[in-house]
C-alpha atoms as a PDB file:
ATOM      1  CA  MET A   1      12.607  71.108  48.084  1.00  0.00           C
ATOM      2  CA  SER A   2      12.319  68.677  50.845  1.00  0.00           C
ATOM      3  CA  GLN A   3      13.113  64.892  50.113  1.00  0.00           C
ATOM      4  CA  ARG A   4       9.975  62.990  51.100  1.00  0.00           C
ATOM      5  CA  PRO A   5      11.028  60.233  53.965  1.00  0.00           C
ATOM      6  CA  LEU A   6      11.652  56.712  53.425  1.00  0.00           C
ATOM      7  CA  PRO A   7       9.248  53.931  54.795  1.00  0.00           C
ATOM      8  CA  THR A   8      10.310  52.570  57.999  1.00  0.00           C
ATOM      9  CA  PHE A   9      11.085  48.921  58.982  1.00  0.00           C
ATOM     10  CA  GLY A  10       7.536  48.482  60.649  1.00  0.00           C
ATOM     11  CA  LEU A  11       5.613  49.994  57.530  1.00  0.00           C
ATOM     12  CA  ARG A  12       7.607  47.563  54.960  1.00  0.00           C
ATOM     13  CA  LEU A  13       7.031  44.443  57.366  1.00  0.00           C
ATOM     14  CA  GLY A  14       3.032  45.157  57.965  1.00  0.00           C
ATOM     15  CA  LEU A  15       2.856  45.688  54.051  1.00  0.00           C
ATOM     16  CA  MET A  16       4.379  42.436  53.258  1.00  0.00           C
ATOM     17  CA  MET A  17       2.629  40.384  55.884  1.00  0.00           C
ATOM     18  CA  VAL A  18      -0.564  42.436  54.328  1.00  0.00           C
ATOM     19  CA  PHE A  19       0.402  40.662  50.767  1.00  0.00           C
ATOM     20  CA  LEU A  20       0.981  36.995  51.952  1.00  0.00           C
ATOM     21  CA  THR A  21      -1.506  36.869  54.426  1.00  0.00           C
ATOM     22  CA  VAL A  22      -4.366  38.807  53.482  1.00  0.00           C
ATOM     23  CA  GLY A  23      -3.792  39.100  49.571  1.00  0.00           C
ATOM     24  CA  ILE A  24      -1.900  35.706  48.431  1.00  0.00           C
ATOM     25  CA  THR A  25      -3.399  33.171  51.086  1.00  0.00           C
ATOM     26  CA  PRO A  26      -7.258  34.150  49.937  1.00  0.00           C
ATOM     27  CA  LEU A  27      -6.273  33.847  46.207  1.00  0.00           C
ATOM     28  CA  ILE A  28      -4.613  30.382  46.814  1.00  0.00           C
ATOM     29  CA  LYS A  29      -7.820  29.092  48.659  1.00  0.00           C
ATOM     30  CA  VAL A  30      -9.782  30.458  45.938  1.00  0.00           C
ATOM     31  CA  TYR A  31      -7.552  28.630  43.204  1.00  0.00           C
ATOM     32  CA  VAL A  32      -7.852  25.332  45.140  1.00  0.00           C
ATOM     33  CA  ALA A  33     -11.714  25.870  45.395  1.00  0.00           C
ATOM     34  CA  TYR A  34     -11.540  26.473  41.795  1.00  0.00           C
ATOM     35  CA  ARG A  35      -9.684  23.371  40.899  1.00  0.00           C
ATOM     36  CA  LEU A  36     -11.827  21.159  43.129  1.00  0.00           C
ATOM     37  CA  ASN A  37     -14.726  22.453  41.539  1.00  0.00           C
ATOM     38  CA  ALA A  38     -14.318  23.421  38.371  1.00  0.00           C
ATOM     39  CA  SER A  39     -16.484  20.697  36.804  1.00  0.00           C
ATOM     40  CA  VAL A  40     -19.531  21.361  39.108  1.00  0.00           C
ATOM     41  CA  GLU A  41     -22.053  22.631  37.308  1.00  0.00           C
ATOM     42  CA  ARG A  42     -24.800  23.195  39.563  1.00  0.00           C
ATOM     43  CA  TYR A  43     -22.670  25.893  41.634  1.00  0.00           C
ATOM     44  CA  GLU A  44     -22.351  28.506  38.687  1.00  0.00           C
ATOM     45  CA  VAL A  45     -23.743  31.525  41.377  1.00  0.00           C
ATOM     46  CA  LEU A  46     -22.491  34.679  39.429  1.00  0.00           C
ATOM     47  CA  LEU A  47     -21.095  35.057  36.066  1.00  0.00           C
ATOM     48  CA  GLY A  48     -20.815  31.428  35.224  1.00  0.00           C
ATOM     49  CA  VAL A  49     -17.760  31.320  37.915  1.00  0.00           C
ATOM     50  CA  PRO A  50     -18.290  27.934  39.894  1.00  0.00           C
ATOM     51  CA  PHE A  51     -17.931  29.296  43.135  1.00  0.00           C
ATOM     52  CA  ASP A  52     -20.609  30.774  46.038  1.00  0.00           C
ATOM     53  CA  ILE A  53     -20.713  34.399  46.609  1.00  0.00           C
ATOM     54  CA  TRP A  54     -18.566  34.395  49.491  1.00  0.00           C
ATOM     55  CA  THR A  55     -15.878  32.656  47.628  1.00  0.00           C
ATOM     56  CA  GLN A  56     -16.233  35.430  44.992  1.00  0.00           C
ATOM     57  CA  LEU A  57     -16.065  38.277  47.673  1.00  0.00           C
ATOM     58  CA  VAL A  58     -12.834  36.887  49.234  1.00  0.00           C
ATOM     59  CA  GLY A  59     -11.194  36.619  45.593  1.00  0.00           C
ATOM     60  CA  VAL A  60     -12.000  40.456  44.658  1.00  0.00           C
ATOM     61  CA  GLY A  61     -11.130  41.797  48.395  1.00  0.00           C
ATOM     62  CA  ALA A  62      -7.646  39.605  47.638  1.00  0.00           C
ATOM     63  CA  VAL A  63      -7.059  41.373  44.279  1.00  0.00           C
ATOM     64  CA  LEU A  64      -8.018  44.422  45.592  1.00  0.00           C
ATOM     65  CA  THR A  65      -5.549  44.239  48.587  1.00  0.00           C
ATOM     66  CA  LEU A  66      -2.588  42.998  46.573  1.00  0.00           C
ATOM     67  CA  VAL A  67      -3.261  46.088  44.051  1.00  0.00           C
ATOM     68  CA  THR A  68      -3.634  48.943  46.986  1.00  0.00           C
ATOM     69  CA  THR A  69      -0.550  47.296  48.907  1.00  0.00           C
ATOM     70  CA  VAL A  70       1.417  47.664  46.177  1.00  0.00           C
ATOM     71  CA  LEU A  71       0.596  51.229  45.702  1.00  0.00           C
ATOM     72  CA  ALA A  72       0.902  51.756  49.461  1.00  0.00           C
ATOM     73  CA  TRP A  73       4.448  50.361  49.521  1.00  0.00           C
ATOM     74  CA  ARG A  74       5.393  53.012  46.654  1.00  0.00           C
ATOM     75  CA  GLY A  75       3.349  55.546  48.734  1.00  0.00           C
ATOM     76  CA  ARG A  76       1.678  57.198  45.436  1.00  0.00           C
ATOM     77  CA  PRO A  77      -0.716  58.326  45.102  1.00  0.00           C
ATOM     78  CA  LYS A  78      -1.339  60.035  48.240  1.00  0.00           C
ATOM     79  CA  GLN A  79      -4.727  58.910  48.422  1.00  0.00           C
ATOM     80  CA  VAL A  80      -3.737  55.368  49.147  1.00  0.00           C
ATOM     81  CA  TYR A  81      -3.387  55.658  52.429  1.00  0.00           C
ATOM     82  CA  TRP A  82      -7.052  55.993  53.027  1.00  0.00           C
ATOM     83  CA  VAL A  83      -8.010  53.546  49.848  1.00  0.00           C
ATOM     84  CA  PHE A  84      -5.716  50.937  51.593  1.00  0.00           C
ATOM     85  CA  GLN A  85      -7.171  50.890  55.039  1.00  0.00           C
ATOM     86  CA  ALA A  86     -10.581  50.710  53.570  1.00  0.00           C
ATOM     87  CA  VAL A  87      -9.986  48.077  51.375  1.00  0.00           C
ATOM     88  CA  LEU A  88      -8.093  45.991  54.359  1.00  0.00           C
ATOM     89  CA  LEU A  89     -10.713  46.298  56.759  1.00  0.00           C
ATOM     90  CA  LEU A  90     -13.742  45.414  53.966  1.00  0.00           C
ATOM     91  CA  THR A  91     -11.283  42.458  52.722  1.00  0.00           C
ATOM     92  CA  MET A  92     -10.906  41.132  56.448  1.00  0.00           C
ATOM     93  CA  VAL A  93     -14.867  41.485  56.894  1.00  0.00           C
ATOM     94  CA  ALA A  94     -15.378  39.431  54.006  1.00  0.00           C
ATOM     95  CA  ILE A  95     -12.635  36.660  55.136  1.00  0.00           C
ATOM     96  CA  GLY A  96     -14.339  36.563  58.760  1.00  0.00           C
ATOM     97  CA  ALA A  97     -17.624  36.474  57.475  1.00  0.00           C
ATOM     98  CA  GLU A  98     -16.859  33.441  54.815  1.00  0.00           C
ATOM     99  CA  ALA A  99     -15.175  31.310  57.785  1.00  0.00           C
ATOM    100  CA  ALA A 100     -18.232  32.078  60.046  1.00  0.00           C
ATOM    101  CA  VAL A 101     -20.189  30.638  57.176  1.00  0.00           C
ATOM    102  CA  ARG A 102     -18.392  28.083  56.698  1.00  0.00           C
ATOM    103  CA  ALA A 103     -17.821  26.800  60.325  1.00  0.00           C
ATOM    104  CA  PHE A 104     -21.243  27.742  61.785  1.00  0.00           C
ATOM    105  CA  ALA A 105     -23.918  27.887  58.968  1.00  0.00           C
ATOM    106  CA  LYS A 106     -26.033  25.590  57.117  1.00  0.00           C
ATOM    107  CA  CYS A 107     -24.987  26.445  53.595  1.00  0.00           C
ATOM    108  CA  GLU A 108     -26.899  24.863  50.727  1.00  0.00           C
ATOM    109  CA  ASN A 109     -24.915  27.045  48.107  1.00  0.00           C
ATOM    110  CA  CYS A 110     -21.835  26.745  49.341  1.00  0.00           C
ATOM    111  CA  VAL A 111     -19.147  25.163  47.068  1.00  0.00           C
ATOM    112  CA  VAL A 112     -17.736  22.673  49.500  1.00  0.00           C
ATOM    113  CA  ASP A 113     -19.472  21.142  52.170  1.00  0.00           C
ATOM    114  CA  PRO A 114     -18.955  23.835  55.232  1.00  0.00           C
ATOM    115  CA  GLY A 115     -16.814  23.353  58.181  1.00  0.00           C
ATOM    116  CA  ARG A 116     -16.086  19.157  57.148  1.00  0.00           C
ATOM    117  CA  ASP A 117     -13.651  19.762  54.332  1.00  0.00           C
ATOM    118  CA  ALA A 118     -10.046  20.111  54.758  1.00  0.00           C
ATOM    119  CA  ILE A 119      -9.543  23.389  53.007  1.00  0.00           C
ATOM    120  CA  ASN A 120     -12.107  25.133  55.071  1.00  0.00           C
ATOM    121  CA  ILE A 121     -10.573  23.794  58.005  1.00  0.00           C
ATOM    122  CA  THR A 122      -6.667  24.454  57.104  1.00  0.00           C
ATOM    123  CA  PHE A 123      -7.806  28.223  55.952  1.00  0.00           C
ATOM    124  CA  GLN A 124      -9.683  28.987  59.070  1.00  0.00           C
ATOM    125  CA  CYS A 125      -6.483  28.397  61.285  1.00  0.00           C
ATOM    126  CA  ILE A 126      -4.916  31.080  59.154  1.00  0.00           C
ATOM    127  CA  LEU A 127      -7.310  33.393  60.191  1.00  0.00           C
ATOM    128  CA  PRO A 128      -5.935  34.415  63.622  1.00  0.00           C
ATOM    129  CA  LEU A 129      -3.028  35.340  61.767  1.00  0.00           C
ATOM    130  CA  GLN A 130      -4.420  37.112  59.303  1.00  0.00           C
ATOM    131  CA  ILE A 131      -6.345  39.108  62.051  1.00  0.00           C
ATOM    132  CA  LEU A 132      -3.180  40.253  63.852  1.00  0.00           C
ATOM    133  CA  THR A 133      -1.831  41.317  60.364  1.00  0.00           C
ATOM    134  CA  VAL A 134      -4.766  43.614  59.810  1.00  0.00           C
ATOM    135  CA  VAL A 135      -4.702  45.172  63.385  1.00  0.00           C
ATOM    136  CA  TYR A 136      -0.763  45.663  63.187  1.00  0.00           C
ATOM    137  CA  MET A 137      -1.019  47.394  60.084  1.00  0.00           C
ATOM    138  CA  LEU A 138      -4.128  49.518  60.852  1.00  0.00           C
ATOM    139  CA  TRP A 139      -2.057  50.804  64.178  1.00  0.00           C
ATOM    140  CA  TYR A 140       1.180  51.111  62.432  1.00  0.00           C
ATOM    141  CA  ILE A 141       0.237  53.004  59.290  1.00  0.00           C
ATOM    142  CA  ASN A 142      -1.515  55.513  61.402  1.00  0.00           C
ATOM    143  CA  ARG A 143       1.597  56.249  63.658  1.00  0.00           C
ATOM    144  CA  LYS A 144       3.696  59.211  62.672  1.00  0.00           C
ATOM    145  CA  PRO A 145       6.266  58.003  60.936  1.00  0.00           C
ATOM    146  CA  ALA A 146       4.140  56.101  58.446  1.00  0.00           C
ATOM    147  CA  ARG A 147       1.982  59.187  58.213  1.00  0.00           C
ATOM    148  CA  ALA A 148       4.542  61.144  56.937  1.00  0.00           C
ATOM    149  CA  PHE A 149       6.067  58.695  54.740  1.00  0.00           C
ATOM    150  CA  TYR A 150       2.354  59.361  52.816  1.00  0.00           C
ATOM    151  CA  GLY A 151       2.665  62.784  53.683  1.00  0.00           C
ATOM    152  CA  LYS A 152      -0.088  62.743  56.605  1.00  0.00           C
ATOM    153  CA  GLY A 153      -0.284  65.104  59.081  1.00  0.00           C
ATOM    154  CA  VAL A 154       3.140  67.136  57.927  1.00  0.00           C
ATOM    155  CA  GLU A 155       2.609  70.578  57.092  1.00  0.00           C
ATOM    156  CA  GLU A 156       3.839  71.756  53.902  1.00  0.00           C
ATOM    157  CA  THR A 157       6.657  74.250  53.228  1.00  0.00           C
ATOM    158  CA  SER A 158       7.471  76.120  50.243  1.00  0.00           C
END
């Protein structure tokens, strides 16, 4: 019985950065938006939550990213290799679209005034780091040492 390879330093570093920048950071933004707008009743867009659809989409993506990152850290189940990459891409698209809407579009249904408040400007400054983290992770997870950790591209011998 062969022993499974350990995750490399680059894979662990990438997963930690994804956890922090694409998982935790958007959840902090959602929490701050909730605290700022919890008493605003005219913004109840979906399920009675005081957010617009963009904030909800980013929050759901961040939670899915956290769950799949923990599973990817463990390397089990083996399908997490593909699921993690898909969730990472979809979450980053949601974060980028939300940042673009807040910065450039006229958004009457947005919870906070687009592009003018401190919370949106602060989190838009983090966007380049999030993009670099996602690009690094997608590149590294498809390298041979990371694929070996997930059992992809390695011939099974019994």
